[in-house]
C-alpha atoms as a PDB file:
ATOM      1  CA  MET A   1      13.270  -2.724 -23.351  1.00  0.00           C
ATOM      2  CA  VAL A   2      13.018   0.719 -21.495  1.00  0.00           C
ATOM      3  CA  THR A   3      15.084  -0.023 -18.564  1.00  0.00           C
ATOM      4  CA  ILE A   4      14.940   2.024 -15.358  1.00  0.00           C
ATOM      5  CA  THR A   5      17.493   4.350 -13.709  1.00  0.00           C
ATOM      6  CA  GLU A   6      18.298   3.475  -9.842  1.00  0.00           C
ATOM      7  CA  LYS A   7      16.740   7.157  -9.522  1.00  0.00           C
ATOM      8  CA  GLU A   8      13.755   6.483 -11.052  1.00  0.00           C
ATOM      9  CA  PHE A   9      12.971   3.356  -9.469  1.00  0.00           C
ATOM     10  CA  LYS A  10      12.835   5.102  -5.937  1.00  0.00           C
ATOM     11  CA  GLN A  11      10.642   7.689  -7.192  1.00  0.00           C
ATOM     12  CA  LEU A  12       7.985   5.113  -8.999  1.00  0.00           C
ATOM     13  CA  ALA A  13       8.273   2.701  -5.258  1.00  0.00           C
ATOM     14  CA  LYS A  14       8.175   6.468  -2.890  1.00  0.00           C
ATOM     15  CA  TYR A  15       4.896   7.106  -5.330  1.00  0.00           C
ATOM     16  CA  ILE A  16       3.224   3.885  -4.386  1.00  0.00           C
ATOM     17  CA  LYS A  17       4.108   3.336  -1.303  1.00  0.00           C
ATOM     18  CA  ASP A  18       3.193   6.528   0.083  1.00  0.00           C
ATOM     19  CA  ASN A  19      -0.230   6.294  -1.878  1.00  0.00           C
ATOM     20  CA  TYR A  20      -0.907   2.293  -2.078  1.00  0.00           C
ATOM     21  CA  GLY A  21       1.234   1.344   1.108  1.00  0.00           C
ATOM     22  CA  ILE A  22       3.205  -1.493  -1.020  1.00  0.00           C
ATOM     23  CA  ASN A  23       6.431  -1.529  -0.962  1.00  0.00           C
ATOM     24  CA  LEU A  24       9.127  -2.466  -3.510  1.00  0.00           C
ATOM     25  CA  LYS A  25      12.214  -2.900  -2.715  1.00  0.00           C
ATOM     26  CA  GLU A  26      15.438  -2.969  -4.602  1.00  0.00           C
ATOM     27  CA  GLU A  27      15.530  -6.742  -5.709  1.00  0.00           C
ATOM     28  CA  LYS A  28      11.446  -5.981  -7.251  1.00  0.00           C
ATOM     29  CA  LYS A  29      13.194  -3.610 -10.087  1.00  0.00           C
ATOM     30  CA  MET A  30      13.140  -6.433 -12.630  1.00  0.00           C
ATOM     31  CA  LEU A  31       9.972  -7.226 -12.023  1.00  0.00           C
ATOM     32  CA  VAL A  32       8.922  -3.541 -12.282  1.00  0.00           C
ATOM     33  CA  ILE A  33      10.084  -3.027 -15.922  1.00  0.00           C
ATOM     34  CA  GLY A  34       8.665  -6.650 -16.946  1.00  0.00           C
ATOM     35  CA  ARG A  35       5.141  -5.676 -15.756  1.00  0.00           C
ATOM     36  CA  LEU A  36       4.806  -1.659 -16.969  1.00  0.00           C
ATOM     37  CA  HIS A  37       7.097  -2.712 -20.135  1.00  0.00           C
ATOM     38  CA  ASN A  38       3.869  -2.954 -22.719  1.00  0.00           C
ATOM     39  CA  VAL A  39       2.678   0.033 -20.956  1.00  0.00           C
ATOM     40  CA  LEU A  40       5.493   2.233 -21.608  1.00  0.00           C
ATOM     41  CA  ALA A  41       5.529   0.569 -25.300  1.00  0.00           C
ATOM     42  CA  GLU A  42       2.129   1.365 -25.534  1.00  0.00           C
ATOM     43  CA  ASN A  43       2.325   4.924 -25.195  1.00  0.00           C
ATOM     44  CA  ASN A  44       5.609   5.316 -26.465  1.00  0.00           C
ATOM     45  CA  PHE A  45       7.312   6.985 -23.472  1.00  0.00           C
ATOM     46  CA  GLU A  46      11.114   6.687 -24.151  1.00  0.00           C
ATOM     47  CA  SER A  47      11.858   6.847 -19.681  1.00  0.00           C
ATOM     48  CA  PHE A  48      10.215   5.585 -16.731  1.00  0.00           C
ATOM     49  CA  SER A  49      10.851   9.800 -16.003  1.00  0.00           C
ATOM     50  CA  GLU A  50       8.559  10.274 -18.877  1.00  0.00           C
ATOM     51  CA  TYR A  51       5.893   7.684 -17.410  1.00  0.00           C
ATOM     52  CA  TYR A  52       5.986   9.032 -13.750  1.00  0.00           C
ATOM     53  CA  ASP A  53       4.887  12.170 -15.288  1.00  0.00           C
ATOM     54  CA  HIS A  54       2.486  11.033 -16.847  1.00  0.00           C
ATOM     55  CA  ILE A  55       0.919   9.071 -14.081  1.00  0.00           C
ATOM     56  CA  ILE A  56       0.865  12.976 -11.890  1.00  0.00           C
ATOM     57  CA  SER A  57      -0.686  14.728 -14.707  1.00  0.00           C
ATOM     58  CA  ASP A  58      -3.160  12.738 -15.859  1.00  0.00           C
ATOM     59  CA  LYS A  59      -6.453  13.970 -14.350  1.00  0.00           C
ATOM     60  CA  THR A  60      -8.506  10.730 -15.427  1.00  0.00           C
ATOM     61  CA  GLY A  61      -7.124   8.486 -12.883  1.00  0.00           C
ATOM     62  CA  LYS A  62      -6.808   5.651 -15.811  1.00  0.00           C
ATOM     63  CA  ALA A  63      -2.892   5.819 -15.794  1.00  0.00           C
ATOM     64  CA  VAL A  64      -2.586   5.431 -11.552  1.00  0.00           C
ATOM     65  CA  ILE A  65      -5.843   2.564 -12.246  1.00  0.00           C
ATOM     66  CA  THR A  66      -3.237   0.526 -14.887  1.00  0.00           C
ATOM     67  CA  LEU A  67      -0.174   0.887 -12.933  1.00  0.00           C
ATOM     68  CA  ILE A  68      -1.952  -0.005  -9.448  1.00  0.00           C
ATOM     69  CA  ASN A  69      -3.749  -3.202 -11.990  1.00  0.00           C
ATOM     70  CA  LYS A  70      -0.113  -3.870 -13.244  1.00  0.00           C
ATOM     71  CA  ILE A  71       1.874  -4.179 -10.137  1.00  0.00           C
ATOM     72  CA  THR A  72      -0.173  -5.649  -7.607  1.00  0.00           C
ATOM     73  CA  THR A  73       0.023  -9.294  -7.463  1.00  0.00           C
ATOM     74  CA  ASN A  74      -3.474 -11.225  -6.753  1.00  0.00           C
ATOM     75  CA  HIS A  75      -2.653 -14.477  -6.207  1.00  0.00           C
ATOM     76  CA  THR A  76      -5.247 -16.470  -4.919  1.00  0.00           C
ATOM     77  CA  TYR A  77      -7.453 -19.722  -5.027  1.00  0.00           C
ATOM     78  CA  PHE A  78     -10.231 -21.376  -2.675  1.00  0.00           C
ATOM     79  CA  MET A  79     -10.169 -22.411   0.687  1.00  0.00           C
ATOM     80  CA  ARG A  80      -7.126 -21.111   0.746  1.00  0.00           C
ATOM     81  CA  GLU A  81      -5.845 -21.522   4.630  1.00  0.00           C
ATOM     82  CA  LYS A  82      -8.990 -23.305   5.046  1.00  0.00           C
ATOM     83  CA  ASP A  83      -8.397 -23.698   8.774  1.00  0.00           C
ATOM     84  CA  HIS A  84      -9.694 -19.756   8.851  1.00  0.00           C
ATOM     85  CA  PHE A  85     -13.042 -21.044   7.783  1.00  0.00           C
ATOM     86  CA  ASP A  86     -13.470 -23.914   9.545  1.00  0.00           C
ATOM     87  CA  TYR A  87     -12.239 -21.527  12.673  1.00  0.00           C
ATOM     88  CA  LEU A  88     -15.088 -19.070  11.588  1.00  0.00           C
ATOM     89  CA  LYS A  89     -17.431 -21.455  10.956  1.00  0.00           C
ATOM     90  CA  GLU A  90     -17.254 -23.548  14.351  1.00  0.00           C
ATOM     91  CA  LYS A  91     -16.169 -21.094  16.493  1.00  0.00           C
ATOM     92  CA  VAL A  92     -16.516 -17.218  15.661  1.00  0.00           C
ATOM     93  CA  LEU A  93     -19.994 -17.686  13.493  1.00  0.00           C
ATOM     94  CA  PRO A  94     -21.728 -19.858  17.061  1.00  0.00           C
ATOM     95  CA  TYR A  95     -19.914 -17.181  19.453  1.00  0.00           C
ATOM     96  CA  MET A  96     -21.872 -14.196  17.128  1.00  0.00           C
ATOM     97  CA  VAL A  97     -25.091 -15.711  17.427  1.00  0.00           C
ATOM     98  CA  ASN A  98     -25.522 -16.090  20.993  1.00  0.00           C
ATOM     99  CA  THR A  99     -23.744 -12.347  21.582  1.00  0.00           C
ATOM    100  CA  ILE A 100     -24.924 -10.467  18.381  1.00  0.00           C
ATOM    101  CA  ARG A 101     -28.627  -8.732  19.900  1.00  0.00           C
ATOM    102  CA  ASP A 102     -29.449  -6.568  16.629  1.00  0.00           C
ATOM    103  CA  LYS A 103     -28.920  -9.724  14.218  1.00  0.00           C
ATOM    104  CA  ASP A 104     -26.789  -7.535  12.939  1.00  0.00           C
ATOM    105  CA  LEU A 105     -23.236  -9.140  11.251  1.00  0.00           C
ATOM    106  CA  ARG A 106     -20.930  -7.135   9.149  1.00  0.00           C
ATOM    107  CA  ILE A 107     -18.013  -9.274   7.774  1.00  0.00           C
ATOM    108  CA  TRP A 108     -15.532  -7.125   5.370  1.00  0.00           C
ATOM    109  CA  SER A 109     -12.859  -9.118   2.683  1.00  0.00           C
ATOM    110  CA  ALA A 110      -9.888  -6.562   2.518  1.00  0.00           C
ATOM    111  CA  GLY A 111      -7.741  -6.804   0.062  1.00  0.00           C
ATOM    112  CA  CYS A 112     -10.459  -9.418  -1.592  1.00  0.00           C
ATOM    113  CA  SER A 113      -8.748  -9.906  -5.315  1.00  0.00           C
ATOM    114  CA  SER A 114     -10.819 -12.235  -7.665  1.00  0.00           C
ATOM    115  CA  GLY A 115     -13.172 -12.648  -5.067  1.00  0.00           C
ATOM    116  CA  GLU A 116     -12.393 -16.734  -4.147  1.00  0.00           C
ATOM    117  CA  GLU A 117     -12.548 -15.444  -0.625  1.00  0.00           C
ATOM    118  CA  ALA A 118     -15.340 -13.264  -0.446  1.00  0.00           C
ATOM    119  CA  TYR A 119     -17.804 -16.182  -2.108  1.00  0.00           C
ATOM    120  CA  THR A 120     -16.046 -18.842   0.378  1.00  0.00           C
ATOM    121  CA  LEU A 121     -17.521 -16.235   3.263  1.00  0.00           C
ATOM    122  CA  ALA A 122     -20.952 -15.489   1.392  1.00  0.00           C
ATOM    123  CA  MET A 123     -21.430 -19.997   1.347  1.00  0.00           C
ATOM    124  CA  ILE A 124     -20.343 -20.387   4.814  1.00  0.00           C
ATOM    125  CA  LEU A 125     -22.661 -17.826   5.666  1.00  0.00           C
ATOM    126  CA  ASP A 126     -25.538 -19.027   3.602  1.00  0.00           C
ATOM    127  CA  GLU A 127     -25.263 -22.847   5.176  1.00  0.00           C
ATOM    128  CA  PHE A 128     -24.592 -21.426   8.809  1.00  0.00           C
ATOM    129  CA  PHE A 129     -28.259 -19.593   8.599  1.00  0.00           C
ATOM    130  CA  LYS A 130     -29.912 -22.132   6.663  1.00  0.00           C
ATOM    131  CA  GLU A 131     -33.411 -21.528   7.696  1.00  0.00           C
ATOM    132  CA  ASN A 132     -32.481 -18.651   9.786  1.00  0.00           C
ATOM    133  CA  GLN A 133     -31.358 -16.318   6.592  1.00  0.00           C
ATOM    134  CA  LEU A 134     -34.516 -13.593   6.888  1.00  0.00           C
ATOM    135  CA  TRP A 135     -33.803 -13.192  10.764  1.00  0.00           C
ATOM    136  CA  TRP A 136     -30.135 -12.085  10.368  1.00  0.00           C
ATOM    137  CA  ASP A 137     -29.087  -8.806   8.360  1.00  0.00           C
ATOM    138  CA  LYS A 138     -25.736 -10.135   7.208  1.00  0.00           C
ATOM    139  CA  LYS A 139     -23.470  -7.587   5.194  1.00  0.00           C
ATOM    140  CA  LEU A 140     -20.435  -9.091   3.344  1.00  0.00           C
ATOM    141  CA  LEU A 141     -17.987  -6.704   2.460  1.00  0.00           C
ATOM    142  CA  ALA A 142     -15.458  -7.596  -0.444  1.00  0.00           C
ATOM    143  CA  THR A 143     -12.413  -4.423  -1.409  1.00  0.00           C
ATOM    144  CA  ASP A 144      -9.883  -4.062  -3.378  1.00  0.00           C
ATOM    145  CA  ILE A 145      -7.347  -0.909  -4.639  1.00  0.00           C
ATOM    146  CA  SER A 146      -7.345  -3.221  -8.170  1.00  0.00           C
ATOM    147  CA  GLU A 147     -10.381  -2.083 -10.148  1.00  0.00           C
ATOM    148  CA  LYS A 148      -9.322  -4.633 -12.669  1.00  0.00           C
ATOM    149  CA  VAL A 149      -9.495  -8.108  -9.843  1.00  0.00           C
ATOM    150  CA  LEU A 150     -12.792  -6.153  -8.563  1.00  0.00           C
ATOM    151  CA  LYS A 151     -14.541  -7.003 -11.816  1.00  0.00           C
ATOM    152  CA  MET A 152     -13.562 -10.271 -11.875  1.00  0.00           C
ATOM    153  CA  ALA A 153     -14.695 -10.673  -8.388  1.00  0.00           C
ATOM    154  CA  LYS A 154     -18.419  -8.831  -9.426  1.00  0.00           C
ATOM    155  CA  GLU A 155     -18.428 -11.540 -12.516  1.00  0.00           C
ATOM    156  CA  GLY A 156     -18.234 -14.572 -10.442  1.00  0.00           C
ATOM    157  CA  ILE A 157     -16.925 -16.880 -13.441  1.00  0.00           C
ATOM    158  CA  TYR A 158     -14.545 -19.437 -11.969  1.00  0.00           C
ATOM    159  CA  HIS A 159     -12.731 -22.545 -13.932  1.00  0.00           C
ATOM    160  CA  LYS A 160     -13.129 -25.708 -12.950  1.00  0.00           C
ATOM    161  CA  ASP A 161     -10.076 -26.201 -11.989  1.00  0.00           C
ATOM    162  CA  GLN A 162     -10.411 -22.759  -9.761  1.00  0.00           C
ATOM    163  CA  ILE A 163     -13.726 -24.811  -8.207  1.00  0.00           C
ATOM    164  CA  SER A 164     -12.528 -28.682  -7.310  1.00  0.00           C
ATOM    165  CA  SER A 165     -11.552 -27.613  -4.058  1.00  0.00           C
ATOM    166  CA  LEU A 166     -14.893 -25.990  -3.318  1.00  0.00           C
ATOM    167  CA  PRO A 167     -17.699 -29.334  -1.545  1.00  0.00           C
ATOM    168  CA  PRO A 168     -19.228 -31.364  -3.693  1.00  0.00           C
ATOM    169  CA  ALA A 169     -22.582 -29.770  -2.322  1.00  0.00           C
ATOM    170  CA  TRP A 170     -21.259 -26.380  -2.483  1.00  0.00           C
ATOM    171  CA  LYS A 171     -20.747 -26.689  -6.213  1.00  0.00           C
ATOM    172  CA  MET A 172     -24.083 -27.951  -6.971  1.00  0.00           C
ATOM    173  CA  GLU A 173     -26.073 -25.216  -5.217  1.00  0.00           C
ATOM    174  CA  TYR A 174     -24.132 -21.981  -5.741  1.00  0.00           C
ATOM    175  CA  LEU A 175     -22.772 -22.238  -9.357  1.00  0.00           C
ATOM    176  CA  LYS A 176     -24.320 -23.219 -12.582  1.00  0.00           C
ATOM    177  CA  LYS A 177     -22.682 -23.623 -15.380  1.00  0.00           C
ATOM    178  CA  TYR A 178     -21.562 -21.021 -18.156  1.00  0.00           C
ATOM    179  CA  ASP A 179     -19.980 -21.858 -20.496  1.00  0.00           C
ATOM    180  CA  GLY A 180     -17.351 -24.850 -21.815  1.00  0.00           C
ATOM    181  CA  GLU A 181     -14.855 -25.319 -18.923  1.00  0.00           C
ATOM    182  CA  ASN A 182     -16.004 -22.301 -16.849  1.00  0.00           C
ATOM    183  CA  PHE A 183     -18.979 -21.913 -13.697  1.00  0.00           C
ATOM    184  CA  ILE A 184     -20.817 -18.803 -12.863  1.00  0.00           C
ATOM    185  CA  PHE A 185     -22.214 -18.483  -9.025  1.00  0.00           C
ATOM    186  CA  THR A 186     -25.567 -18.179  -8.808  1.00  0.00           C
ATOM    187  CA  ASP A 187     -27.417 -14.235  -7.800  1.00  0.00           C
ATOM    188  CA  LYS A 188     -28.286 -15.835  -4.382  1.00  0.00           C
ATOM    189  CA  ILE A 189     -24.828 -16.046  -3.656  1.00  0.00           C
ATOM    190  CA  LYS A 190     -23.705 -12.709  -5.817  1.00  0.00           C
ATOM    191  CA  ASN A 191     -26.027 -10.834  -3.985  1.00  0.00           C
ATOM    192  CA  GLU A 192     -24.879 -11.448  -1.019  1.00  0.00           C
ATOM    193  CA  ILE A 193     -21.261  -9.338  -1.590  1.00  0.00           C
ATOM    194  CA  ILE A 194     -21.065  -5.931  -1.548  1.00  0.00           C
ATOM    195  CA  TYR A 195     -17.342  -5.196  -3.736  1.00  0.00           C
ATOM    196  CA  ARG A 196     -15.483  -1.878  -3.377  1.00  0.00           C
ATOM    197  CA  LYS A 197     -12.781  -0.198  -4.631  1.00  0.00           C
ATOM    198  CA  PHE A 198     -10.759   0.578  -1.491  1.00  0.00           C
ATOM    199  CA  ASN A 199      -7.765   1.851   0.009  1.00  0.00           C
ATOM    200  CA  LEU A 200      -6.233   0.967   3.052  1.00  0.00           C
ATOM    201  CA  MET A 201      -4.080   3.709   3.221  1.00  0.00           C
ATOM    202  CA  ASP A 202      -6.652   5.778   3.534  1.00  0.00           C
ATOM    203  CA  ASN A 203      -6.351   8.228   6.656  1.00  0.00           C
ATOM    204  CA  VAL A 204      -9.847   7.501   7.666  1.00  0.00           C
ATOM    205  CA  PHE A 205     -12.363   4.601   7.081  1.00  0.00           C
ATOM    206  CA  PRO A 206     -15.326   5.603   6.097  1.00  0.00           C
ATOM    207  CA  PHE A 207     -17.646   2.721   7.549  1.00  0.00           C
ATOM    208  CA  LYS A 208     -20.686   4.199   9.666  1.00  0.00           C
ATOM    209  CA  LYS A 209     -20.947   0.662  11.902  1.00  0.00           C
ATOM    210  CA  LYS A 210     -17.834  -1.388  12.794  1.00  0.00           C
ATOM    211  CA  PHE A 211     -17.355  -4.684  11.581  1.00  0.00           C
ATOM    212  CA  GLN A 212     -17.262  -8.094  14.001  1.00  0.00           C
ATOM    213  CA  VAL A 213     -15.057  -9.933  11.328  1.00  0.00           C
ATOM    214  CA  ILE A 214     -12.283  -8.803   9.346  1.00  0.00           C
ATOM    215  CA  PHE A 215     -10.498 -11.096   6.818  1.00  0.00           C
ATOM    216  CA  CYS A 216      -7.014  -9.554   5.426  1.00  0.00           C
ATOM    217  CA  ARG A 217      -4.764 -12.660   4.660  1.00  0.00           C
ATOM    218  CA  ASN A 218      -1.405 -12.190   2.404  1.00  0.00           C
ATOM    219  CA  VAL A 219      -1.904  -8.065   2.092  1.00  0.00           C
ATOM    220  CA  MET A 220       0.506  -6.546   4.585  1.00  0.00           C
ATOM    221  CA  ILE A 221       3.310  -8.812   3.180  1.00  0.00           C
ATOM    222  CA  TYR A 222       3.642  -6.281   1.098  1.00  0.00           C
ATOM    223  CA  PHE A 223       3.782  -3.164   3.774  1.00  0.00           C
ATOM    224  CA  ASP A 224       6.721  -2.243   5.904  1.00  0.00           C
ATOM    225  CA  ASN A 225       6.197  -2.164   9.754  1.00  0.00           C
ATOM    226  CA  GLU A 226       4.999   1.610   9.821  1.00  0.00           C
ATOM    227  CA  THR A 227       2.606   1.010   7.129  1.00  0.00           C
ATOM    228  CA  LYS A 228       1.652  -2.329   8.362  1.00  0.00           C
ATOM    229  CA  ASN A 229       0.924  -1.129  12.184  1.00  0.00           C
ATOM    230  CA  ASP A 230      -0.793   1.594  11.205  1.00  0.00           C
ATOM    231  CA  VAL A 231      -3.519  -0.656   8.980  1.00  0.00           C
ATOM    232  CA  VAL A 232      -3.761  -2.864  11.520  1.00  0.00           C
ATOM    233  CA  ARG A 233      -4.528  -0.225  14.254  1.00  0.00           C
ATOM    234  CA  LYS A 234      -7.565   1.497  11.797  1.00  0.00           C
ATOM    235  CA  PHE A 235      -8.319  -2.199  11.642  1.00  0.00           C
ATOM    236  CA  TYR A 236      -9.025  -2.374  15.645  1.00  0.00           C
ATOM    237  CA  ASN A 237     -10.715   0.922  15.612  1.00  0.00           C
ATOM    238  CA  ASN A 238     -13.338  -0.622  12.587  1.00  0.00           C
ATOM    239  CA  LEU A 239     -14.006  -3.497  15.143  1.00  0.00           C
ATOM    240  CA  GLU A 240     -16.555  -4.123  17.645  1.00  0.00           C
ATOM    241  CA  TYR A 241     -15.168  -5.534  20.716  1.00  0.00           C
ATOM    242  CA  GLY A 242     -15.007  -9.153  21.013  1.00  0.00           C
ATOM    243  CA  GLY A 243     -14.722  -8.984  16.702  1.00  0.00           C
ATOM    244  CA  TYR A 244     -11.758 -11.549  14.848  1.00  0.00           C
ATOM    245  CA  LEU A 245      -9.226 -10.204  12.881  1.00  0.00           C
ATOM    246  CA  PHE A 246      -7.383 -12.902   9.851  1.00  0.00           C
ATOM    247  CA  ILE A 247      -4.278 -11.888   8.745  1.00  0.00           C
ATOM    248  CA  GLY A 248      -2.275 -14.553   6.433  1.00  0.00           C
ATOM    249  CA  HIS A 249      -0.462 -17.606   7.826  1.00  0.00           C
ATOM    250  CA  SER A 250       2.492 -15.809   6.600  1.00  0.00           C
ATOM    251  CA  GLU A 251       1.728 -12.721   8.666  1.00  0.00           C
ATOM    252  CA  SER A 252       2.045 -11.963  12.688  1.00  0.00           C
ATOM    253  CA  LEU A 253       1.189  -8.886  14.231  1.00  0.00           C
ATOM    254  CA  SER A 254       4.135  -7.157  16.177  1.00  0.00           C
ATOM    255  CA  GLY A 255       4.555  -7.636  20.156  1.00  0.00           C
ATOM    256  CA  ASP A 256       2.891  -4.599  20.557  1.00  0.00           C
ATOM    257  CA  THR A 257      -0.452  -5.891  19.437  1.00  0.00           C
ATOM    258  CA  MET A 258      -2.495  -2.966  20.020  1.00  0.00           C
ATOM    259  CA  GLY A 259      -4.774  -4.319  21.417  1.00  0.00           C
ATOM    260  CA  PHE A 260      -5.399  -7.735  20.056  1.00  0.00           C
ATOM    261  CA  LYS A 261      -5.600 -11.144  21.615  1.00  0.00           C
ATOM    262  CA  TYR A 262      -3.439 -13.617  19.412  1.00  0.00           C
ATOM    263  CA  ILE A 263      -5.936 -16.402  19.644  1.00  0.00           C
ATOM    264  CA  MET A 264      -3.925 -18.835  17.354  1.00  0.00           C
ATOM    265  CA  PRO A 265      -1.857 -18.400  14.775  1.00  0.00           C
ATOM    266  CA  SER A 266      -2.923 -15.595  12.119  1.00  0.00           C
ATOM    267  CA  VAL A 267      -6.222 -14.887  14.291  1.00  0.00           C
ATOM    268  CA  TYR A 268      -6.540 -12.363  16.489  1.00  0.00           C
ATOM    269  CA  ARG A 269      -9.659 -10.908  18.603  1.00  0.00           C
ATOM    270  CA  LYS A 270      -9.751  -7.709  19.793  1.00  0.00           C
ATOM    271  CA  GLU A 271     -10.433  -7.876  23.708  1.00  0.00           C
ATOM    272  CA  LEU A 272     -13.725  -6.854  25.115  1.00  0.00           C
END
């Protein structure tokens, strides 16, 4: 196995942080070696310096896509941090129904991973609006930097064990048998979600309209404070006044929440 020198690790870690915000600390050195070992072996690279040069010089972009797919951790599951979904259904959506005059609802699942969060949001919206669907223009954007997990999300295929936590009524209405022990989401619910590759480190978020709700959960734990604050500032600028930001239970905003009002653990609101 190719080892990585301190200089090589710092070089690769700086590239990843500068371009994708992920802060790889010194203790992650063995994780980096383990996840990239096969990539170096398959391409006959004898050092991480060779591999880094390849990433920088590759004009196709395929090398960096592979790097991000390998480095990012995409652990998620259905109904994760369920109280967020309950709060959305019981408090946020009723408020939006009474205040959005043009009936244009926009929700963003940032760092959507393999789609569990986005599909959960889509099912909540479908169930909540029911017979009023035709009167509302609902847009659910789901983004991630990893093309690998976005492909999985778009396919919408999950093992029976993965969907076990979903309410039985949802499984009957929104899922159908795919093969063996796997299930696939129906086109009805798939078509409610727009999946896009997106990097939260981009200086400008290119959205024409602002969102009423942003979910970005268990993503910023990989950022240092400066990067996190910068991303939160961009979220703030892309939220409507009165809009909500949901972050992970293990995350929090700094004392200066840049205009966000603390609502409950890991839920914040852009003050009116």
